[in-house]
PDB file of N, CA and C in Angstrom:
ATOM      1  N   MET A   1      29.243 -59.790 -68.632  1.00  0.00           N
ATOM      2  CA  MET A   1      28.297 -60.230 -69.617  1.00  0.00           C
ATOM      3  C   MET A   1      27.132 -59.266 -69.631  1.00  0.00           C
ATOM      4  N   SER A   2      26.703 -58.891 -70.791  1.00  0.00           N
ATOM      5  CA  SER A   2      25.622 -57.943 -70.927  1.00  0.00           C
ATOM      6  C   SER A   2      24.536 -58.535 -71.811  1.00  0.00           C
ATOM      7  N   ILE A   3      23.319 -58.446 -71.363  1.00  0.00           N
ATOM      8  CA  ILE A   3      22.180 -58.937 -72.130  1.00  0.00           C
ATOM      9  C   ILE A   3      21.383 -57.724 -72.584  1.00  0.00           C
ATOM     10  N   THR A   4      21.217 -57.582 -73.878  1.00  0.00           N
ATOM     11  CA  THR A   4      20.465 -56.448 -74.380  1.00  0.00           C
ATOM     12  C   THR A   4      19.080 -56.900 -74.809  1.00  0.00           C
ATOM     13  N   GLY A   5      18.119 -56.025 -74.635  1.00  0.00           N
ATOM     14  CA  GLY A   5      16.750 -56.313 -75.039  1.00  0.00           C
ATOM     15  C   GLY A   5      16.541 -56.015 -76.507  1.00  0.00           C
ATOM     16  N   ILE A   6      15.331 -56.149 -76.957  1.00  0.00           N
ATOM     17  CA  ILE A   6      14.996 -55.893 -78.355  1.00  0.00           C
ATOM     18  C   ILE A   6      15.253 -54.440 -78.711  1.00  0.00           C
ATOM     19  N   SER A   7      14.995 -53.539 -77.785  1.00  0.00           N
ATOM     20  CA  SER A   7      15.182 -52.123 -78.065  1.00  0.00           C
ATOM     21  C   SER A   7      16.646 -51.691 -77.970  1.00  0.00           C
ATOM     22  N   GLY A   8      17.516 -52.600 -77.566  1.00  0.00           N
ATOM     23  CA  GLY A   8      18.925 -52.260 -77.471  1.00  0.00           C
ATOM     24  C   GLY A   8      19.339 -51.771 -76.096  1.00  0.00           C
ATOM     25  N   THR A   9      18.417 -51.684 -75.169  1.00  0.00           N
ATOM     26  CA  THR A   9      18.751 -51.261 -73.811  1.00  0.00           C
ATOM     27  C   THR A   9      18.642 -52.455 -72.889  1.00  0.00           C
ATOM     28  N   LEU A  10      19.256 -52.332 -71.736  1.00  0.00           N
ATOM     29  CA  LEU A  10      19.209 -53.413 -70.764  1.00  0.00           C
ATOM     30  C   LEU A  10      17.852 -53.463 -70.087  1.00  0.00           C
ATOM     31  N   PRO A  11      17.318 -54.651 -69.832  1.00  0.00           N
ATOM     32  CA  PRO A  11      16.108 -54.754 -69.025  1.00  0.00           C
ATOM     33  C   PRO A  11      16.399 -54.256 -67.613  1.00  0.00           C
ATOM     34  N   PRO A  12      15.379 -53.847 -66.857  1.00  0.00           N
ATOM     35  CA  PRO A  12      15.629 -53.279 -65.536  1.00  0.00           C
ATOM     36  C   PRO A  12      16.248 -54.264 -64.553  1.00  0.00           C
ATOM     37  N   PHE A  13      16.083 -55.567 -64.775  1.00  0.00           N
ATOM     38  CA  PHE A  13      16.606 -56.535 -63.827  1.00  0.00           C
ATOM     39  C   PHE A  13      18.013 -57.001 -64.157  1.00  0.00           C
ATOM     40  N   VAL A  14      18.575 -56.570 -65.282  1.00  0.00           N
ATOM     41  CA  VAL A  14      19.903 -56.986 -65.697  1.00  0.00           C
ATOM     42  C   VAL A  14      20.878 -55.855 -65.406  1.00  0.00           C
ATOM     43  N   THR A  15      21.981 -56.208 -64.776  1.00  0.00           N
ATOM     44  CA  THR A  15      23.005 -55.210 -64.485  1.00  0.00           C
ATOM     45  C   THR A  15      24.292 -55.610 -65.180  1.00  0.00           C
ATOM     46  N   THR A  16      25.157 -54.648 -65.353  1.00  0.00           N
ATOM     47  CA  THR A  16      26.424 -54.917 -66.021  1.00  0.00           C
ATOM     48  C   THR A  16      27.534 -55.184 -65.024  1.00  0.00           C
ATOM     49  N   GLN A  17      27.275 -55.007 -63.730  1.00  0.00           N
ATOM     50  CA  GLN A  17      28.306 -55.244 -62.730  1.00  0.00           C
ATOM     51  C   GLN A  17      28.345 -56.720 -62.357  1.00  0.00           C
ATOM     52  N   ALA A  18      29.497 -57.160 -61.956  1.00  0.00           N
ATOM     53  CA  ALA A  18      29.631 -58.518 -61.444  1.00  0.00           C
ATOM     54  C   ALA A  18      28.955 -58.594 -60.080  1.00  0.00           C
ATOM     55  N   PRO A  19      28.473 -59.771 -59.681  1.00  0.00           N
ATOM     56  CA  PRO A  19      27.803 -59.896 -58.385  1.00  0.00           C
ATOM     57  C   PRO A  19      28.663 -59.441 -57.216  1.00  0.00           C
ATOM     58  N   SER A  20      29.971 -59.701 -57.263  1.00  0.00           N
ATOM     59  CA  SER A  20      30.834 -59.290 -56.157  1.00  0.00           C
ATOM     60  C   SER A  20      30.909 -57.767 -56.065  1.00  0.00           C
ATOM     61  N   ALA A  21      30.886 -57.081 -57.193  1.00  0.00           N
ATOM     62  CA  ALA A  21      30.909 -55.621 -57.187  1.00  0.00           C
ATOM     63  C   ALA A  21      29.618 -55.078 -56.592  1.00  0.00           C
ATOM     64  N   GLN A  22      28.504 -55.748 -56.862  1.00  0.00           N
ATOM     65  CA  GLN A  22      27.233 -55.311 -56.288  1.00  0.00           C
ATOM     66  C   GLN A  22      27.256 -55.455 -54.774  1.00  0.00           C
ATOM     67  N   ARG A  23      27.824 -56.567 -54.272  1.00  0.00           N
ATOM     68  CA  ARG A  23      27.886 -56.771 -52.827  1.00  0.00           C
ATOM     69  C   ARG A  23      28.783 -55.728 -52.173  1.00  0.00           C
ATOM     70  N   ILE A  24      29.860 -55.363 -52.817  1.00  0.00           N
ATOM     71  CA  ILE A  24      30.758 -54.349 -52.270  1.00  0.00           C
ATOM     72  C   ILE A  24      30.057 -53.001 -52.219  1.00  0.00           C
ATOM     73  N   ASP A  25      29.316 -52.641 -53.291  1.00  0.00           N
ATOM     74  CA  ASP A  25      28.581 -51.378 -53.301  1.00  0.00           C
ATOM     75  C   ASP A  25      27.554 -51.355 -52.182  1.00  0.00           C
ATOM     76  N   THR A  26      26.840 -52.448 -51.984  1.00  0.00           N
ATOM     77  CA  THR A  26      25.832 -52.528 -50.931  1.00  0.00           C
ATOM     78  C   THR A  26      26.481 -52.426 -49.563  1.00  0.00           C
ATOM     79  N   ALA A  27      27.615 -53.086 -49.386  1.00  0.00           N
ATOM     80  CA  ALA A  27      28.310 -53.038 -48.103  1.00  0.00           C
ATOM     81  C   ALA A  27      28.808 -51.630 -47.811  1.00  0.00           C
ATOM     82  N   GLN A  28      29.291 -50.930 -48.825  1.00  0.00           N
ATOM     83  CA  GLN A  28      29.767 -49.566 -48.614  1.00  0.00           C
ATOM     84  C   GLN A  28      28.617 -48.647 -48.245  1.00  0.00           C
ATOM     85  N   LYS A  29      27.453 -48.850 -48.838  1.00  0.00           N
ATOM     86  CA  LYS A  29      26.296 -48.023 -48.497  1.00  0.00           C
ATOM     87  C   LYS A  29      25.820 -48.323 -47.084  1.00  0.00           C
ATOM     88  N   ALA A  30      25.914 -49.578 -46.660  1.00  0.00           N
ATOM     89  CA  ALA A  30      25.433 -49.972 -45.340  1.00  0.00           C
ATOM     90  C   ALA A  30      26.382 -49.534 -44.232  1.00  0.00           C
ATOM     91  N   GLU A  31      27.628 -49.209 -44.553  1.00  0.00           N
ATOM     92  CA  GLU A  31      28.582 -48.815 -43.531  1.00  0.00           C
ATOM     93  C   GLU A  31      28.159 -47.546 -42.803  1.00  0.00           C
ATOM     94  N   GLY A  32      27.446 -46.676 -43.459  1.00  0.00           N
ATOM     95  CA  GLY A  32      27.054 -45.415 -42.859  1.00  0.00           C
ATOM     96  C   GLY A  32      26.060 -45.570 -41.720  1.00  0.00           C
ATOM     97  N   THR A  33      25.315 -46.658 -41.711  1.00  0.00           N
ATOM     98  CA  THR A  33      24.331 -46.856 -40.654  1.00  0.00           C
ATOM     99  C   THR A  33      24.758 -48.032 -39.799  1.00  0.00           C
ATOM    100  N   GLY A  34      24.842 -47.792 -38.518  1.00  0.00           N
ATOM    101  CA  GLY A  34      25.221 -48.845 -37.591  1.00  0.00           C
ATOM    102  C   GLY A  34      23.992 -49.555 -37.050  1.00  0.00           C
ATOM    103  N   PHE A  35      24.239 -50.546 -36.235  1.00  0.00           N
ATOM    104  CA  PHE A  35      23.155 -51.336 -35.655  1.00  0.00           C
ATOM    105  C   PHE A  35      22.243 -50.464 -34.797  1.00  0.00           C
ATOM    106  N   ALA A  36      22.835 -49.610 -33.984  1.00  0.00           N
ATOM    107  CA  ALA A  36      22.038 -48.747 -33.107  1.00  0.00           C
ATOM    108  C   ALA A  36      21.175 -47.792 -33.928  1.00  0.00           C
ATOM    109  N   ASP A  37      21.719 -47.277 -35.041  1.00  0.00           N
ATOM    110  CA  ASP A  37      20.940 -46.384 -35.893  1.00  0.00           C
ATOM    111  C   ASP A  37      19.745 -47.110 -36.509  1.00  0.00           C
ATOM    112  N   ARG A  38      19.976 -48.343 -36.920  1.00  0.00           N
ATOM    113  CA  ARG A  38      18.881 -49.119 -37.511  1.00  0.00           C
ATOM    114  C   ARG A  38      17.806 -49.439 -36.485  1.00  0.00           C
ATOM    115  N   ILE A  39      18.212 -49.782 -35.264  1.00  0.00           N
ATOM    116  CA  ILE A  39      17.240 -50.071 -34.209  1.00  0.00           C
ATOM    117  C   ILE A  39      16.465 -48.809 -33.864  1.00  0.00           C
ATOM    118  N   ASN A  40      17.160 -47.686 -33.729  1.00  0.00           N
ATOM    119  CA  ASN A  40      16.477 -46.423 -33.439  1.00  0.00           C
ATOM    120  C   ASN A  40      15.492 -46.059 -34.542  1.00  0.00           C
ATOM    121  N   GLY A  41      15.879 -46.260 -35.793  1.00  0.00           N
ATOM    122  CA  GLY A  41      14.988 -45.986 -36.907  1.00  0.00           C
ATOM    123  C   GLY A  41      13.759 -46.885 -36.894  1.00  0.00           C
ATOM    124  N   ALA A  42      13.963 -48.164 -36.580  1.00  0.00           N
ATOM    125  CA  ALA A  42      12.837 -49.105 -36.530  1.00  0.00           C
ATOM    126  C   ALA A  42      11.876 -48.749 -35.405  1.00  0.00           C
ATOM    127  N   VAL A  43      12.416 -48.374 -34.257  1.00  0.00           N
ATOM    128  CA  VAL A  43      11.548 -47.992 -33.129  1.00  0.00           C
ATOM    129  C   VAL A  43      10.795 -46.713 -33.459  1.00  0.00           C
ATOM    130  N   LYS A  44      11.471 -45.779 -34.123  1.00  0.00           N
ATOM    131  CA  LYS A  44      10.820 -44.532 -34.512  1.00  0.00           C
ATOM    132  C   LYS A  44       9.695 -44.796 -35.526  1.00  0.00           C
ATOM    133  N   ASP A  45       9.961 -45.686 -36.490  1.00  0.00           N
ATOM    134  CA  ASP A  45       8.931 -46.048 -37.465  1.00  0.00           C
ATOM    135  C   ASP A  45       7.737 -46.714 -36.792  1.00  0.00           C
ATOM    136  N   LEU A  46       8.014 -47.571 -35.802  1.00  0.00           N
ATOM    137  CA  LEU A  46       6.942 -48.224 -35.059  1.00  0.00           C
ATOM    138  C   LEU A  46       6.111 -47.205 -34.287  1.00  0.00           C
ATOM    139  N   ALA A  47       6.781 -46.269 -33.645  1.00  0.00           N
ATOM    140  CA  ALA A  47       6.063 -45.234 -32.900  1.00  0.00           C
ATOM    141  C   ALA A  47       5.222 -44.372 -33.842  1.00  0.00           C
ATOM    142  N   ASP A  48       5.765 -44.048 -35.020  1.00  0.00           N
ATOM    143  CA  ASP A  48       5.002 -43.264 -36.000  1.00  0.00           C
ATOM    144  C   ASP A  48       3.761 -44.025 -36.470  1.00  0.00           C
ATOM    145  N   ALA A  49       3.912 -45.328 -36.716  1.00  0.00           N
ATOM    146  CA  ALA A  49       2.777 -46.144 -37.160  1.00  0.00           C
ATOM    147  C   ALA A  49       1.710 -46.216 -36.085  1.00  0.00           C
ATOM    148  N   GLN A  50       2.121 -46.340 -34.828  1.00  0.00           N
ATOM    149  CA  GLN A  50       1.148 -46.393 -33.734  1.00  0.00           C
ATOM    150  C   GLN A  50       0.452 -45.049 -33.551  1.00  0.00           C
ATOM    151  N   ASN A  51       1.204 -43.961 -33.686  1.00  0.00           N
ATOM    152  CA  ASN A  51       0.592 -42.633 -33.579  1.00  0.00           C
ATOM    153  C   ASN A  51      -0.392 -42.390 -34.721  1.00  0.00           C
ATOM    154  N   GLU A  52      -0.025 -42.805 -35.919  1.00  0.00           N
ATOM    155  CA  GLU A  52      -0.912 -42.646 -37.071  1.00  0.00           C
ATOM    156  C   GLU A  52      -2.183 -43.460 -36.895  1.00  0.00           C
ATOM    157  N   ALA A  53      -2.055 -44.677 -36.375  1.00  0.00           N
ATOM    158  CA  ALA A  53      -3.230 -45.515 -36.135  1.00  0.00           C
ATOM    159  C   ALA A  53      -4.132 -44.888 -35.079  1.00  0.00           C
ATOM    160  N   SER A  54      -3.528 -44.339 -34.052  1.00  0.00           N
ATOM    161  CA  SER A  54      -4.298 -43.695 -32.989  1.00  0.00           C
ATOM    162  C   SER A  54      -5.032 -42.460 -33.512  1.00  0.00           C
ATOM    163  N   GLN A  55      -4.328 -41.633 -34.295  1.00  0.00           N
ATOM    164  CA  GLN A  55      -4.961 -40.438 -34.858  1.00  0.00           C
ATOM    165  C   GLN A  55      -6.058 -40.807 -35.843  1.00  0.00           C
ATOM    166  N   SER A  56      -5.844 -41.857 -36.610  1.00  0.00           N
ATOM    167  CA  SER A  56      -6.838 -42.307 -37.581  1.00  0.00           C
ATOM    168  C   SER A  56      -8.091 -42.807 -36.872  1.00  0.00           C
ATOM    169  N   ALA A  57      -7.909 -43.571 -35.790  1.00  0.00           N
ATOM    170  CA  ALA A  57      -9.067 -44.069 -35.029  1.00  0.00           C
ATOM    171  C   ALA A  57      -9.818 -42.910 -34.371  1.00  0.00           C
ATOM    172  N   LYS A  58      -9.077 -41.958 -33.838  1.00  0.00           N
ATOM    173  CA  LYS A  58      -9.709 -40.794 -33.207  1.00  0.00           C
ATOM    174  C   LYS A  58     -10.494 -39.981 -34.232  1.00  0.00           C
ATOM    175  N   ALA A  59      -9.918 -39.812 -35.427  1.00  0.00           N
ATOM    176  CA  ALA A  59     -10.612 -39.074 -36.487  1.00  0.00           C
ATOM    177  C   ALA A  59     -11.879 -39.803 -36.918  1.00  0.00           C
ATOM    178  N   TYR A  60     -11.854 -41.136 -36.952  1.00  0.00           N
ATOM    179  CA  TYR A  60     -13.041 -41.902 -37.320  1.00  0.00           C
ATOM    180  C   TYR A  60     -14.119 -41.762 -36.253  1.00  0.00           C
ATOM    181  N   GLU A  61     -13.709 -41.814 -34.990  1.00  0.00           N
ATOM    182  CA  GLU A  61     -14.666 -41.690 -33.887  1.00  0.00           C
ATOM    183  C   GLU A  61     -15.312 -40.312 -33.864  1.00  0.00           C
ATOM    184  N   MET A  62     -14.579 -39.288 -34.277  1.00  0.00           N
ATOM    185  CA  MET A  62     -15.113 -37.929 -34.271  1.00  0.00           C
ATOM    186  C   MET A  62     -15.886 -37.609 -35.545  1.00  0.00           C
ATOM    187  N   GLY A  63     -15.839 -38.512 -36.532  1.00  0.00           N
ATOM    188  CA  GLY A  63     -16.575 -38.306 -37.762  1.00  0.00           C
ATOM    189  C   GLY A  63     -15.790 -37.612 -38.857  1.00  0.00           C
ATOM    190  N   ALA A  64     -14.547 -37.280 -38.607  1.00  0.00           N
ATOM    191  CA  ALA A  64     -13.739 -36.616 -39.629  1.00  0.00           C
ATOM    192  C   ALA A  64     -13.296 -37.607 -40.704  1.00  0.00           C
ATOM    193  N   GLU A  65     -13.128 -38.858 -40.342  1.00  0.00           N
ATOM    194  CA  GLU A  65     -12.725 -39.910 -41.275  1.00  0.00           C
ATOM    195  C   GLU A  65     -13.920 -40.837 -41.497  1.00  0.00           C
ATOM    196  N   THR A  66     -14.232 -41.120 -42.756  1.00  0.00           N
ATOM    197  CA  THR A  66     -15.388 -41.975 -43.056  1.00  0.00           C
ATOM    198  C   THR A  66     -14.981 -43.330 -43.622  1.00  0.00           C
ATOM    199  N   ASP A  67     -13.713 -43.507 -43.944  1.00  0.00           N
ATOM    200  CA  ASP A  67     -13.255 -44.766 -44.532  1.00  0.00           C
ATOM    201  C   ASP A  67     -12.774 -45.701 -43.431  1.00  0.00           C
ATOM    202  N   LEU A  68     -13.629 -46.634 -43.058  1.00  0.00           N
ATOM    203  CA  LEU A  68     -13.299 -47.570 -41.990  1.00  0.00           C
ATOM    204  C   LEU A  68     -12.169 -48.506 -42.401  1.00  0.00           C
ATOM    205  N   ALA A  69     -12.105 -48.840 -43.681  1.00  0.00           N
ATOM    206  CA  ALA A  69     -11.058 -49.753 -44.152  1.00  0.00           C
ATOM    207  C   ALA A  69      -9.671 -49.174 -43.918  1.00  0.00           C
ATOM    208  N   SER A  70      -9.478 -47.900 -44.197  1.00  0.00           N
ATOM    209  CA  SER A  70      -8.154 -47.297 -43.981  1.00  0.00           C
ATOM    210  C   SER A  70      -7.807 -47.244 -42.498  1.00  0.00           C
ATOM    211  N   VAL A  71      -8.816 -47.029 -41.658  1.00  0.00           N
ATOM    212  CA  VAL A  71      -8.579 -47.017 -40.212  1.00  0.00           C
ATOM    213  C   VAL A  71      -8.144 -48.408 -39.755  1.00  0.00           C
ATOM    214  N   MET A  72      -8.813 -49.439 -40.264  1.00  0.00           N
ATOM    215  CA  MET A  72      -8.472 -50.807 -39.882  1.00  0.00           C
ATOM    216  C   MET A  72      -7.086 -51.197 -40.403  1.00  0.00           C
ATOM    217  N   VAL A  73      -6.745 -50.754 -41.603  1.00  0.00           N
ATOM    218  CA  VAL A  73      -5.410 -51.041 -42.141  1.00  0.00           C
ATOM    219  C   VAL A  73      -4.339 -50.379 -41.275  1.00  0.00           C
ATOM    220  N   ASP A  74      -4.565 -49.149 -40.869  1.00  0.00           N
ATOM    221  CA  ASP A  74      -3.608 -48.467 -39.990  1.00  0.00           C
ATOM    222  C   ASP A  74      -3.456 -49.214 -38.665  1.00  0.00           C
ATOM    223  N   GLN A  75      -4.562 -49.703 -38.131  1.00  0.00           N
ATOM    224  CA  GLN A  75      -4.521 -50.468 -36.887  1.00  0.00           C
ATOM    225  C   GLN A  75      -3.727 -51.766 -37.067  1.00  0.00           C
ATOM    226  N   GLN A  76      -3.931 -52.446 -38.189  1.00  0.00           N
ATOM    227  CA  GLN A  76      -3.229 -53.704 -38.437  1.00  0.00           C
ATOM    228  C   GLN A  76      -1.729 -53.482 -38.651  1.00  0.00           C
ATOM    229  N   VAL A  77      -1.379 -52.410 -39.344  1.00  0.00           N
ATOM    230  CA  VAL A  77       0.037 -52.090 -39.554  1.00  0.00           C
ATOM    231  C   VAL A  77       0.715 -51.851 -38.210  1.00  0.00           C
ATOM    232  N   ALA A  78       0.071 -51.097 -37.355  1.00  0.00           N
ATOM    233  CA  ALA A  78       0.640 -50.826 -36.037  1.00  0.00           C
ATOM    234  C   ALA A  78       0.731 -52.106 -35.204  1.00  0.00           C
ATOM    235  N   SER A  79      -0.286 -52.946 -35.289  1.00  0.00           N
ATOM    236  CA  SER A  79      -0.291 -54.195 -34.535  1.00  0.00           C
ATOM    237  C   SER A  79       0.811 -55.142 -35.009  1.00  0.00           C
ATOM    238  N   LEU A  80       0.948 -55.293 -36.311  1.00  0.00           N
ATOM    239  CA  LEU A  80       1.993 -56.168 -36.850  1.00  0.00           C
ATOM    240  C   LEU A  80       3.387 -55.648 -36.524  1.00  0.00           C
ATOM    241  N   GLY A  81       3.552 -54.339 -36.591  1.00  0.00           N
ATOM    242  CA  GLY A  81       4.845 -53.754 -36.240  1.00  0.00           C
ATOM    243  C   GLY A  81       5.195 -54.009 -34.789  1.00  0.00           C
ATOM    244  N   PHE A  82       4.212 -53.884 -33.916  1.00  0.00           N
ATOM    245  CA  PHE A  82       4.448 -54.135 -32.494  1.00  0.00           C
ATOM    246  C   PHE A  82       4.777 -55.602 -32.247  1.00  0.00           C
ATOM    247  N   GLN A  83       4.049 -56.501 -32.907  1.00  0.00           N
ATOM    248  CA  GLN A  83       4.321 -57.935 -32.750  1.00  0.00           C
ATOM    249  C   GLN A  83       5.728 -58.277 -33.227  1.00  0.00           C
ATOM    250  N   MET A  84       6.137 -57.677 -34.339  1.00  0.00           N
ATOM    251  CA  MET A  84       7.480 -57.932 -34.848  1.00  0.00           C
ATOM    252  C   MET A  84       8.533 -57.420 -33.867  1.00  0.00           C
ATOM    253  N   ALA A  85       8.332 -56.220 -33.338  1.00  0.00           N
ATOM    254  CA  ALA A  85       9.285 -55.663 -32.380  1.00  0.00           C
ATOM    255  C   ALA A  85       9.362 -56.532 -31.126  1.00  0.00           C
ATOM    256  N   LEU A  86       8.223 -57.037 -30.688  1.00  0.00           N
ATOM    257  CA  LEU A  86       8.192 -57.898 -29.515  1.00  0.00           C
ATOM    258  C   LEU A  86       8.932 -59.206 -29.779  1.00  0.00           C
ATOM    259  N   ASN A  87       8.751 -59.787 -30.957  1.00  0.00           N
ATOM    260  CA  ASN A  87       9.450 -61.026 -31.299  1.00  0.00           C
ATOM    261  C   ASN A  87      10.954 -60.808 -31.434  1.00  0.00           C
ATOM    262  N   VAL A  88      11.354 -59.684 -32.008  1.00  0.00           N
ATOM    263  CA  VAL A  88      12.784 -59.379 -32.112  1.00  0.00           C
ATOM    264  C   VAL A  88      13.380 -59.221 -30.722  1.00  0.00           C
ATOM    265  N   ARG A  89      12.667 -58.547 -29.843  1.00  0.00           N
ATOM    266  CA  ARG A  89      13.149 -58.383 -28.464  1.00  0.00           C
ATOM    267  C   ARG A  89      13.286 -59.727 -27.771  1.00  0.00           C
ATOM    268  N   ASN A  90      12.288 -60.601 -27.953  1.00  0.00           N
ATOM    269  CA  ASN A  90      12.337 -61.921 -27.318  1.00  0.00           C
ATOM    270  C   ASN A  90      13.508 -62.751 -27.852  1.00  0.00           C
ATOM    271  N   LYS A  91      13.757 -62.683 -29.157  1.00  0.00           N
ATOM    272  CA  LYS A  91      14.884 -63.417 -29.740  1.00  0.00           C
ATOM    273  C   LYS A  91      16.205 -62.871 -29.217  1.00  0.00           C
ATOM    274  N   ALA A  92      16.337 -61.563 -29.137  1.00  0.00           N
ATOM    275  CA  ALA A  92      17.568 -60.952 -28.633  1.00  0.00           C
ATOM    276  C   ALA A  92      17.785 -61.320 -27.168  1.00  0.00           C
ATOM    277  N   LEU A  93      16.731 -61.315 -26.379  1.00  0.00           N
ATOM    278  CA  LEU A  93      16.830 -61.676 -24.970  1.00  0.00           C
ATOM    279  C   LEU A  93      17.213 -63.142 -24.822  1.00  0.00           C
ATOM    280  N   GLY A  94      16.638 -64.000 -25.650  1.00  0.00           N
ATOM    281  CA  GLY A  94      16.992 -65.415 -25.618  1.00  0.00           C
ATOM    282  C   GLY A  94      18.452 -65.639 -25.985  1.00  0.00           C
ATOM    283  N   ALA A  95      18.934 -64.921 -27.001  1.00  0.00           N
ATOM    284  CA  ALA A  95      20.339 -65.035 -27.392  1.00  0.00           C
ATOM    285  C   ALA A  95      21.249 -64.547 -26.270  1.00  0.00           C
ATOM    286  N   TYR A  96      20.863 -63.468 -25.617  1.00  0.00           N
ATOM    287  CA  TYR A  96      21.648 -62.945 -24.497  1.00  0.00           C
ATOM    288  C   TYR A  96      21.725 -63.974 -23.373  1.00  0.00           C
ATOM    289  N   ARG A  97      20.587 -64.587 -23.055  1.00  0.00           N
ATOM    290  CA  ARG A  97      20.568 -65.607 -21.990  1.00  0.00           C
ATOM    291  C   ARG A  97      21.429 -66.807 -22.365  1.00  0.00           C
ATOM    292  N   ASP A  98      21.370 -67.219 -23.628  1.00  0.00           N
ATOM    293  CA  ASP A  98      22.202 -68.342 -24.070  1.00  0.00           C
ATOM    294  C   ASP A  98      23.680 -68.014 -23.925  1.00  0.00           C
ATOM    295  N   ILE A  99      24.067 -66.815 -24.296  1.00  0.00           N
ATOM    296  CA  ILE A  99      25.467 -66.415 -24.186  1.00  0.00           C
ATOM    297  C   ILE A  99      25.895 -66.343 -22.728  1.00  0.00           C
ATOM    298  N   MET A 100      25.032 -65.819 -21.864  1.00  0.00           N
ATOM    299  CA  MET A 100      25.369 -65.707 -20.448  1.00  0.00           C
ATOM    300  C   MET A 100      25.484 -67.078 -19.776  1.00  0.00           C
ATOM    301  N   ASN A 101      24.764 -68.073 -20.276  1.00  0.00           N
ATOM    302  CA  ASN A 101      24.791 -69.404 -19.681  1.00  0.00           C
ATOM    303  C   ASN A 101      25.894 -70.292 -20.259  1.00  0.00           C
ATOM    304  N   MET A 102      26.673 -69.777 -21.186  1.00  0.00           N
ATOM    305  CA  MET A 102      27.765 -70.562 -21.768  1.00  0.00           C
ATOM    306  C   MET A 102      28.883 -70.716 -20.734  1.00  0.00           C
ATOM    307  N   PRO A 103      29.440 -71.912 -20.698  1.00  0.00           N
ATOM    308  CA  PRO A 103      30.582 -72.073 -19.791  1.00  0.00           C
ATOM    309  C   PRO A 103      31.828 -71.379 -20.349  1.00  0.00           C
ATOM    310  N   VAL A 104      32.601 -70.815 -19.452  1.00  0.00           N
ATOM    311  CA  VAL A 104      33.796 -70.079 -19.872  1.00  0.00           C
ATOM    312  C   VAL A 104      34.988 -70.959 -19.963  1.00  0.00           C
TER     313      VAL A 104
END
């Protein structure tokens, strides 16, 4: 089914593929990255955010950066990323403990 707009083109939110075809395309794209790759990427992104926050704070302290709001935003991004990583670790550890305590 295709829905055309007034101009004769499809709106950006309307696709011509069936939902199952979209899921297959997404699954094929996701096959290239495994769980370990995604975890490594997330940890790398977290480390980059923390390094950026540290450099931003250092630049503000030295007077090179004058926008305190951007420094605070960088600090909050790094803090939220760390909290999320900590919560994911705690959930994974809890799941591991639950599996280990299961009777065989």
